[in-house]
Amino acid sequence: MSTITYNDYHEDNDETILLDKSGKEVSYEVLLAIDRKKEFGKNYMLIYPSNSDHEDIELEAYSYVENEEGTGGDLTSIKTDAEWDMIEEVFNQFMD
């Protein structure tokens, strides 16, 4: 997947707005924001559509870089097995 622009990510309300390929705004909730700047040089976000049935949600994982104002930035696909392993480990700890 290519880079996705996001807006209005605030940890206090755990919501982010993504612009899809057509430029339409889609609301997502943030399940986890993972700070891994030391290990991987970037942060990560696990999100799901706001309109999802909370019993059967489909999570999406991205690396992200905030803009200078901290009000948005870019989400990109996870590229390495090491990143996926880390995300899986953090998610499993969260679920425990």
Protein backbone atom coordinates (compact mmCIF):
# COMPACT_ATOMS: atom_id res chain seq x y z
CA MET A 1 0.00 0.00 0.00
CA SER A 2 1.21 3.49 -0.70
CA THR A 3 1.38 6.41 1.69
CA ILE A 4 -1.93 7.56 3.19
CA THR A 5 -2.40 11.05 4.56
CA TYR A 6 -4.02 11.34 7.96
CA ASN A 7 -5.39 14.28 9.91
CA ASP A 8 -6.58 15.03 13.43
CA TYR A 9 -4.77 12.25 15.28
CA HIS A 10 -4.97 13.05 18.97
CA GLU A 11 -4.10 10.53 21.67
CA ASP A 12 -6.78 11.93 23.96
CA ASN A 13 -9.67 10.92 21.68
CA ASP A 14 -7.95 8.04 19.85
CA GLU A 15 -9.47 8.96 16.50
CA THR A 16 -7.82 9.64 13.19
CA ILE A 17 -9.20 10.70 9.84
CA LEU A 18 -7.68 9.10 6.74
CA LEU A 19 -8.03 10.35 3.22
CA ASP A 20 -8.66 7.42 0.88
CA LYS A 21 -7.41 7.26 -2.72
CA SER A 22 -10.33 9.37 -3.92
CA GLY A 23 -9.72 12.03 -1.24
CA LYS A 24 -12.76 11.02 0.83
CA GLU A 25 -12.36 11.29 4.61
CA VAL A 26 -12.76 8.01 6.51
CA SER A 27 -12.86 7.91 10.32
CA TYR A 28 -10.76 5.33 12.19
CA GLU A 29 -10.23 4.61 15.85
CA VAL A 30 -6.73 4.02 17.16
CA LEU A 31 -6.33 0.80 19.11
CA LEU A 32 -2.60 1.20 19.78
CA ALA A 33 0.06 3.80 19.05
CA ILE A 34 3.50 2.23 19.35
CA ASP A 35 6.66 4.32 19.85
CA ARG A 36 9.62 2.50 18.31
CA LYS A 37 11.80 5.39 17.16
CA LYS A 38 14.83 3.91 18.94
CA GLU A 39 14.56 0.46 17.34
CA PHE A 40 13.11 1.23 13.89
CA GLY A 41 13.35 5.01 13.52
CA LYS A 42 9.57 5.41 13.35
CA ASN A 43 6.31 4.89 15.19
CA TYR A 44 3.39 2.58 14.44
CA MET A 45 -0.37 2.66 14.68
CA LEU A 46 -2.99 -0.12 14.86
CA ILE A 47 -6.33 1.25 13.66
CA TYR A 48 -9.81 0.06 12.70
CA PRO A 49 -12.79 1.74 11.00
CA SER A 50 -14.95 3.70 13.47
CA ASN A 51 -18.11 2.12 12.11
CA SER A 52 -16.86 -1.44 12.79
CA ASP A 53 -18.77 -3.92 14.90
CA HIS A 54 -16.53 -4.03 18.00
CA GLU A 55 -16.92 -7.81 18.21
CA ASP A 56 -15.45 -8.42 14.75
CA ILE A 57 -13.00 -5.67 13.82
CA GLU A 58 -10.37 -5.78 11.12
CA LEU A 59 -7.19 -4.10 12.33
CA GLU A 60 -4.84 -2.28 10.02
CA ALA A 61 -1.20 -1.63 10.97
CA TYR A 62 0.94 1.21 9.61
CA SER A 63 4.14 3.01 10.37
CA TYR A 64 3.60 6.75 10.73
CA VAL A 65 5.45 10.02 10.68
CA GLU A 66 3.77 13.07 12.17
CA ASN A 67 3.97 16.48 10.55
CA GLU A 68 5.84 19.27 12.36
CA GLU A 69 2.64 20.56 14.00
CA GLY A 70 1.73 17.11 15.35
CA THR A 71 -1.75 17.34 13.80
CA GLY A 72 -1.35 14.83 10.99
CA GLY A 73 1.19 13.16 8.78
CA ASP A 74 1.69 10.06 6.67
CA LEU A 75 0.94 6.39 7.20
CA THR A 76 2.93 3.82 5.23
CA SER A 77 2.87 0.06 4.88
CA ILE A 78 4.92 -2.13 7.20
CA LYS A 79 7.89 -3.33 5.18
CA THR A 80 9.93 -5.83 7.19
CA ASP A 81 9.37 -9.07 9.05
CA ALA A 82 11.12 -7.56 12.08
CA GLU A 83 8.51 -4.77 12.20
CA TRP A 84 5.64 -7.27 11.89
CA ASP A 85 7.17 -9.41 14.66
CA MET A 86 7.40 -6.38 16.94
CA ILE A 87 3.80 -5.34 16.20
CA GLU A 88 2.56 -8.87 16.85
CA GLU A 89 4.44 -9.01 20.16
CA VAL A 90 3.07 -5.64 21.32
CA PHE A 91 -0.46 -6.58 20.25
CA ASN A 92 -0.28 -9.91 22.08
CA GLN A 93 0.92 -8.16 25.26
CA PHE A 94 -1.94 -5.68 24.90
CA MET A 95 -4.48 -8.50 24.56
CA ASP A 96 -3.13 -10.28 27.66
